[in-house]
Amino acid sequence: MDHLKETILFHEKELLDNTKRLSLEDLDRLIHDEFIEFGKSGGRFMKADLMTEGGAGTIHVEILDYDIRLLSEDTVQALFQTCYQVTGEVANRCSIWKKEKAGWQMIFHQGTVAASS
């Protein structure tokens, strides 16, 4: 399970790497064709929304409190928080990754602004 946790974390970090977020080739590899995201902005996004000139845009966050849950032998849920480096805003994050022939792909993501403590 530790190897799987590290593999999914590696891919989460790839999707937070601005070079990869702007690369349509990397996004196509990492994002499942049936991808849906409910962003912390309240917007809903599909893979087609990311496969444009601006890709997934840029972001400057770090991952906190990361863990995974095995949903089936080929599906994993990642649960974590992100902290925006500029504002300090924290968001709760949930991603679902599906193992396909070519490797792990994100099929669902949701971000929600975390309540202040």
N, C-alpha and C. Protein backbone atom coordinates (compact mmCIF):
# COMPACT_ATOMS: atom_id res chain seq x y z
N MET A 1 0.83 -1.20 0.00
CA MET A 1 0.00 0.00 0.00
C MET A 1 0.87 1.26 0.00
N ASP A 2 2.03 1.20 0.64
CA ASP A 2 2.91 2.37 0.66
C ASP A 2 3.38 2.75 -0.74
N HIS A 3 3.69 1.73 -1.56
CA HIS A 3 4.13 2.01 -2.93
C HIS A 3 3.00 2.69 -3.72
N LEU A 4 1.78 2.20 -3.57
CA LEU A 4 0.64 2.79 -4.26
C LEU A 4 0.42 4.22 -3.79
N LYS A 5 0.53 4.45 -2.50
CA LYS A 5 0.36 5.80 -1.94
C LYS A 5 1.38 6.76 -2.54
N GLU A 6 2.63 6.32 -2.65
CA GLU A 6 3.68 7.16 -3.23
C GLU A 6 3.46 7.39 -4.73
N THR A 7 2.95 6.37 -5.43
CA THR A 7 2.69 6.50 -6.86
C THR A 7 1.61 7.55 -7.12
N ILE A 8 0.52 7.47 -6.37
CA ILE A 8 -0.57 8.43 -6.56
C ILE A 8 -0.12 9.83 -6.15
N LEU A 9 0.63 9.95 -5.05
CA LEU A 9 1.17 11.25 -4.63
C LEU A 9 2.06 11.83 -5.73
N PHE A 10 2.88 10.99 -6.35
CA PHE A 10 3.74 11.45 -7.45
C PHE A 10 2.89 12.07 -8.56
N HIS A 11 1.79 11.39 -8.93
CA HIS A 11 0.92 11.91 -10.00
C HIS A 11 0.17 13.17 -9.56
N GLU A 12 -0.24 13.24 -8.30
CA GLU A 12 -0.86 14.48 -7.80
C GLU A 12 0.11 15.64 -7.93
N LYS A 13 1.36 15.40 -7.57
CA LYS A 13 2.37 16.45 -7.67
C LYS A 13 2.65 16.83 -9.12
N GLU A 14 2.57 15.84 -10.02
CA GLU A 14 2.71 16.16 -11.44
C GLU A 14 1.65 17.16 -11.88
N LEU A 15 0.41 16.94 -11.40
CA LEU A 15 -0.69 17.83 -11.79
C LEU A 15 -0.63 19.19 -11.11
N LEU A 16 0.26 19.34 -10.14
CA LEU A 16 0.47 20.65 -9.51
C LEU A 16 1.72 21.34 -10.06
N ASP A 17 2.46 20.64 -10.92
CA ASP A 17 3.65 21.19 -11.56
C ASP A 17 3.19 22.04 -12.75
N ASN A 18 3.48 23.32 -12.70
CA ASN A 18 2.96 24.23 -13.73
C ASN A 18 3.41 23.88 -15.14
N THR A 19 4.59 23.31 -15.29
CA THR A 19 5.03 22.88 -16.61
C THR A 19 4.11 21.80 -17.16
N LYS A 20 3.75 20.85 -16.32
CA LYS A 20 2.87 19.76 -16.74
C LYS A 20 1.42 20.25 -16.90
N ARG A 21 1.01 21.21 -16.07
CA ARG A 21 -0.36 21.76 -16.17
C ARG A 21 -0.59 22.49 -17.49
N LEU A 22 0.49 22.98 -18.09
CA LEU A 22 0.39 23.70 -19.36
C LEU A 22 0.65 22.79 -20.56
N SER A 23 1.06 21.55 -20.31
CA SER A 23 1.39 20.60 -21.36
C SER A 23 0.18 19.73 -21.69
N LEU A 24 -0.35 19.88 -22.89
CA LEU A 24 -1.50 19.07 -23.30
C LEU A 24 -1.14 17.59 -23.35
N GLU A 25 0.09 17.28 -23.68
CA GLU A 25 0.54 15.88 -23.70
C GLU A 25 0.51 15.28 -22.29
N ASP A 26 1.04 16.02 -21.32
CA ASP A 26 1.03 15.53 -19.93
C ASP A 26 -0.40 15.44 -19.39
N LEU A 27 -1.21 16.45 -19.66
CA LEU A 27 -2.60 16.42 -19.20
C LEU A 27 -3.35 15.24 -19.80
N ASP A 28 -3.14 14.98 -21.08
CA ASP A 28 -3.81 13.86 -21.73
C ASP A 28 -3.41 12.53 -21.08
N ARG A 29 -2.15 12.41 -20.69
CA ARG A 29 -1.65 11.20 -20.04
C ARG A 29 -2.22 11.03 -18.64
N LEU A 30 -2.38 12.12 -17.90
CA LEU A 30 -2.77 12.07 -16.49
C LEU A 30 -4.27 12.17 -16.24
N ILE A 31 -5.00 12.73 -17.18
CA ILE A 31 -6.43 12.99 -16.99
C ILE A 31 -7.25 12.00 -17.82
N HIS A 32 -8.16 11.31 -17.17
CA HIS A 32 -9.04 10.32 -17.81
C HIS A 32 -10.01 11.03 -18.75
N ASP A 33 -10.40 10.35 -19.83
CA ASP A 33 -11.34 10.94 -20.80
C ASP A 33 -12.68 11.29 -20.16
N GLU A 34 -13.08 10.59 -19.09
CA GLU A 34 -14.36 10.85 -18.42
C GLU A 34 -14.21 11.75 -17.19
N PHE A 35 -13.12 12.47 -17.10
CA PHE A 35 -12.80 13.34 -15.97
C PHE A 35 -13.88 14.40 -15.72
N ILE A 36 -14.18 14.59 -14.44
CA ILE A 36 -15.05 15.69 -13.97
C ILE A 36 -14.36 16.31 -12.75
N GLU A 37 -14.38 17.62 -12.68
CA GLU A 37 -13.86 18.33 -11.51
C GLU A 37 -14.90 19.33 -11.02
N PHE A 38 -15.06 19.37 -9.71
CA PHE A 38 -15.80 20.43 -9.05
C PHE A 38 -14.74 21.26 -8.34
N GLY A 39 -14.40 22.40 -8.92
CA GLY A 39 -13.31 23.21 -8.40
C GLY A 39 -13.69 23.98 -7.14
N LYS A 40 -12.69 24.42 -6.41
CA LYS A 40 -12.95 25.20 -5.19
C LYS A 40 -13.60 26.53 -5.53
N SER A 41 -13.51 26.90 -6.81
CA SER A 41 -14.16 28.13 -7.29
C SER A 41 -15.67 27.94 -7.46
N GLY A 42 -16.11 26.69 -7.40
CA GLY A 42 -17.52 26.39 -7.64
C GLY A 42 -17.79 25.96 -9.07
N GLY A 43 -16.78 26.06 -9.92
CA GLY A 43 -16.95 25.68 -11.33
C GLY A 43 -16.89 24.18 -11.53
N ARG A 44 -17.46 23.74 -12.64
CA ARG A 44 -17.42 22.34 -13.04
C ARG A 44 -16.61 22.25 -14.33
N PHE A 45 -15.67 21.32 -14.36
CA PHE A 45 -14.76 21.20 -15.49
C PHE A 45 -14.69 19.76 -15.98
N MET A 46 -14.53 19.62 -17.29
CA MET A 46 -14.36 18.33 -17.93
C MET A 46 -12.96 18.30 -18.56
N LYS A 47 -12.52 17.14 -19.01
CA LYS A 47 -11.21 17.05 -19.63
C LYS A 47 -11.08 18.03 -20.80
N ALA A 48 -12.12 18.15 -21.60
CA ALA A 48 -12.08 19.05 -22.76
C ALA A 48 -11.78 20.49 -22.35
N ASP A 49 -12.22 20.89 -21.15
CA ASP A 49 -11.95 22.24 -20.66
C ASP A 49 -10.46 22.47 -20.40
N LEU A 50 -9.74 21.40 -20.11
CA LEU A 50 -8.31 21.50 -19.82
C LEU A 50 -7.45 21.37 -21.07
N MET A 51 -8.01 20.78 -22.11
CA MET A 51 -7.24 20.49 -23.31
C MET A 51 -7.32 21.66 -24.30
N THR A 52 -6.98 22.84 -23.79
CA THR A 52 -6.95 24.06 -24.60
C THR A 52 -5.57 24.68 -24.49
N GLU A 53 -5.36 25.77 -25.16
CA GLU A 53 -4.04 26.41 -25.19
C GLU A 53 -3.48 26.69 -23.80
N GLY A 54 -4.32 27.09 -22.86
CA GLY A 54 -3.85 27.40 -21.51
C GLY A 54 -3.76 26.21 -20.58
N GLY A 55 -4.09 25.02 -21.10
CA GLY A 55 -4.04 23.81 -20.27
C GLY A 55 -4.87 23.97 -19.01
N ALA A 56 -4.32 23.54 -17.90
CA ALA A 56 -5.00 23.63 -16.60
C ALA A 56 -4.63 24.91 -15.86
N GLY A 57 -3.89 25.81 -16.52
CA GLY A 57 -3.48 27.04 -15.86
C GLY A 57 -2.37 26.79 -14.86
N THR A 58 -1.96 27.83 -14.17
CA THR A 58 -0.88 27.69 -13.19
C THR A 58 -1.44 27.75 -11.78
N ILE A 59 -0.70 27.17 -10.87
CA ILE A 59 -1.11 27.10 -9.47
C ILE A 59 0.16 27.05 -8.62
N HIS A 60 0.10 27.58 -7.42
CA HIS A 60 1.26 27.57 -6.52
C HIS A 60 0.80 27.11 -5.16
N VAL A 61 0.77 25.78 -4.98
CA VAL A 61 0.30 25.19 -3.73
C VAL A 61 1.25 24.09 -3.28
N GLU A 62 1.13 23.73 -2.01
CA GLU A 62 1.82 22.56 -1.50
C GLU A 62 0.78 21.61 -0.92
N ILE A 63 1.10 20.33 -0.96
CA ILE A 63 0.19 19.30 -0.45
C ILE A 63 0.45 19.07 1.03
N LEU A 64 -0.65 19.00 1.79
CA LEU A 64 -0.59 18.73 3.23
C LEU A 64 -1.47 17.52 3.54
N ASP A 65 -1.17 16.81 4.63
CA ASP A 65 -2.04 15.75 5.17
C ASP A 65 -2.57 14.80 4.10
N TYR A 66 -1.69 14.23 3.34
CA TYR A 66 -2.04 13.37 2.21
C TYR A 66 -2.25 11.92 2.66
N ASP A 67 -3.30 11.29 2.15
CA ASP A 67 -3.54 9.87 2.38
C ASP A 67 -4.37 9.32 1.23
N ILE A 68 -4.45 8.01 1.13
CA ILE A 68 -5.28 7.37 0.10
C ILE A 68 -6.18 6.32 0.73
N ARG A 69 -7.25 5.98 -0.02
CA ARG A 69 -8.12 4.85 0.32
C ARG A 69 -8.28 4.03 -0.95
N LEU A 70 -8.13 2.71 -0.81
CA LEU A 70 -8.33 1.81 -1.94
C LEU A 70 -9.82 1.56 -2.09
N LEU A 71 -10.39 1.95 -3.24
CA LEU A 71 -11.82 1.76 -3.50
C LEU A 71 -12.08 0.44 -4.22
N SER A 72 -11.14 0.01 -5.05
CA SER A 72 -11.17 -1.30 -5.70
C SER A 72 -9.75 -1.57 -6.16
N GLU A 73 -9.52 -2.69 -6.79
CA GLU A 73 -8.14 -3.01 -7.16
C GLU A 73 -7.58 -2.06 -8.21
N ASP A 74 -8.45 -1.33 -8.92
CA ASP A 74 -7.97 -0.40 -9.93
C ASP A 74 -8.44 1.03 -9.72
N THR A 75 -8.93 1.33 -8.51
CA THR A 75 -9.44 2.68 -8.22
C THR A 75 -9.00 3.12 -6.84
N VAL A 76 -8.43 4.32 -6.77
CA VAL A 76 -7.89 4.85 -5.52
C VAL A 76 -8.43 6.26 -5.29
N GLN A 77 -8.78 6.56 -4.05
CA GLN A 77 -9.19 7.91 -3.67
C GLN A 77 -8.05 8.55 -2.89
N ALA A 78 -7.63 9.73 -3.32
CA ALA A 78 -6.62 10.51 -2.61
C ALA A 78 -7.33 11.62 -1.84
N LEU A 79 -6.98 11.77 -0.58
CA LEU A 79 -7.56 12.80 0.29
C LEU A 79 -6.42 13.62 0.86
N PHE A 80 -6.51 14.95 0.69
CA PHE A 80 -5.42 15.80 1.15
C PHE A 80 -5.90 17.24 1.22
N GLN A 81 -5.02 18.09 1.69
CA GLN A 81 -5.27 19.53 1.66
C GLN A 81 -4.16 20.18 0.84
N THR A 82 -4.47 21.35 0.31
CA THR A 82 -3.45 22.16 -0.32
C THR A 82 -3.41 23.51 0.38
N CYS A 83 -2.23 24.09 0.42
CA CYS A 83 -2.06 25.43 0.98
C CYS A 83 -1.48 26.31 -0.13
N TYR A 84 -2.20 27.39 -0.44
CA TYR A 84 -1.73 28.32 -1.47
C TYR A 84 -0.55 29.09 -0.92
N GLN A 85 0.56 29.07 -1.63
CA GLN A 85 1.80 29.66 -1.15
C GLN A 85 1.72 31.17 -0.99
N VAL A 86 0.92 31.85 -1.79
CA VAL A 86 0.84 33.31 -1.72
C VAL A 86 -0.12 33.77 -0.63
N THR A 87 -1.31 33.16 -0.56
CA THR A 87 -2.35 33.64 0.35
C THR A 87 -2.44 32.86 1.66
N GLY A 88 -1.91 31.64 1.67
CA GLY A 88 -2.04 30.78 2.84
C GLY A 88 -3.39 30.08 2.92
N GLU A 89 -4.27 30.30 1.92
CA GLU A 89 -5.59 29.67 1.91
C GLU A 89 -5.43 28.14 1.81
N VAL A 90 -6.23 27.45 2.62
CA VAL A 90 -6.19 25.98 2.64
C VAL A 90 -7.46 25.45 1.98
N ALA A 91 -7.29 24.42 1.16
CA ALA A 91 -8.44 23.77 0.50
C ALA A 91 -8.39 22.28 0.78
N ASN A 92 -9.56 21.69 1.02
CA ASN A 92 -9.68 20.23 1.12
C ASN A 92 -9.79 19.69 -0.30
N ARG A 93 -9.10 18.58 -0.55
CA ARG A 93 -9.05 18.02 -1.91
C ARG A 93 -9.38 16.52 -1.87
N CYS A 94 -10.05 16.08 -2.91
CA CYS A 94 -10.36 14.66 -3.09
C CYS A 94 -10.18 14.35 -4.57
N SER A 95 -9.39 13.34 -4.87
CA SER A 95 -9.19 12.89 -6.24
C SER A 95 -9.46 11.40 -6.31
N ILE A 96 -10.01 10.97 -7.43
CA ILE A 96 -10.17 9.54 -7.67
C ILE A 96 -9.34 9.20 -8.89
N TRP A 97 -8.49 8.19 -8.73
CA TRP A 97 -7.57 7.75 -9.78
C TRP A 97 -7.97 6.35 -10.23
N LYS A 98 -7.96 6.14 -11.53
CA LYS A 98 -8.32 4.85 -12.11
C LYS A 98 -7.13 4.30 -12.89
N LYS A 99 -6.82 3.03 -12.65
CA LYS A 99 -5.70 2.40 -13.36
C LYS A 99 -6.19 1.93 -14.72
N GLU A 100 -5.57 2.46 -15.76
CA GLU A 100 -5.86 2.09 -17.13
C GLU A 100 -4.63 1.39 -17.71
N LYS A 101 -4.72 0.89 -18.92
CA LYS A 101 -3.59 0.18 -19.54
C LYS A 101 -2.33 1.03 -19.56
N ALA A 102 -2.50 2.33 -19.83
CA ALA A 102 -1.35 3.23 -19.94
C ALA A 102 -0.86 3.73 -18.59
N GLY A 103 -1.58 3.46 -17.51
CA GLY A 103 -1.17 3.91 -16.18
C GLY A 103 -2.33 4.57 -15.44
N TRP A 104 -2.01 5.21 -14.33
CA TRP A 104 -3.01 5.85 -13.49
C TRP A 104 -3.47 7.16 -14.10
N GLN A 105 -4.80 7.37 -14.10
CA GLN A 105 -5.37 8.62 -14.60
C GLN A 105 -6.41 9.13 -13.60
N MET A 106 -6.44 10.45 -13.42
CA MET A 106 -7.42 11.06 -12.54
C MET A 106 -8.76 11.12 -13.28
N ILE A 107 -9.80 10.57 -12.64
CA ILE A 107 -11.13 10.56 -13.25
C ILE A 107 -12.08 11.55 -12.56
N PHE A 108 -11.74 11.95 -11.33
CA PHE A 108 -12.58 12.89 -10.58
C PHE A 108 -11.69 13.71 -9.63
N HIS A 109 -12.06 14.97 -9.48
CA HIS A 109 -11.37 15.82 -8.48
C HIS A 109 -12.37 16.83 -7.93
N GLN A 110 -12.23 17.09 -6.63
CA GLN A 110 -13.03 18.15 -6.01
C GLN A 110 -12.15 18.92 -5.05
N GLY A 111 -12.30 20.23 -5.08
CA GLY A 111 -11.62 21.11 -4.14
C GLY A 111 -12.63 21.97 -3.43
N THR A 112 -12.48 22.10 -2.11
CA THR A 112 -13.40 22.89 -1.29
C THR A 112 -12.57 23.75 -0.34
N VAL A 113 -12.88 25.02 -0.26
CA VAL A 113 -12.16 25.88 0.67
C VAL A 113 -12.38 25.34 2.08
N ALA A 114 -11.29 25.19 2.84
CA ALA A 114 -11.37 24.67 4.19
C ALA A 114 -11.88 25.75 5.14
N ALA A 115 -12.68 25.35 6.09
CA ALA A 115 -13.19 26.28 7.09
C ALA A 115 -12.02 26.79 7.93
N SER A 116 -12.07 28.04 8.30
CA SER A 116 -11.05 28.62 9.17
C SER A 116 -11.23 28.07 10.58
N SER A 117 -10.12 27.85 11.26
CA SER A 117 -10.23 27.33 12.64
C SER A 117 -10.15 28.45 13.65
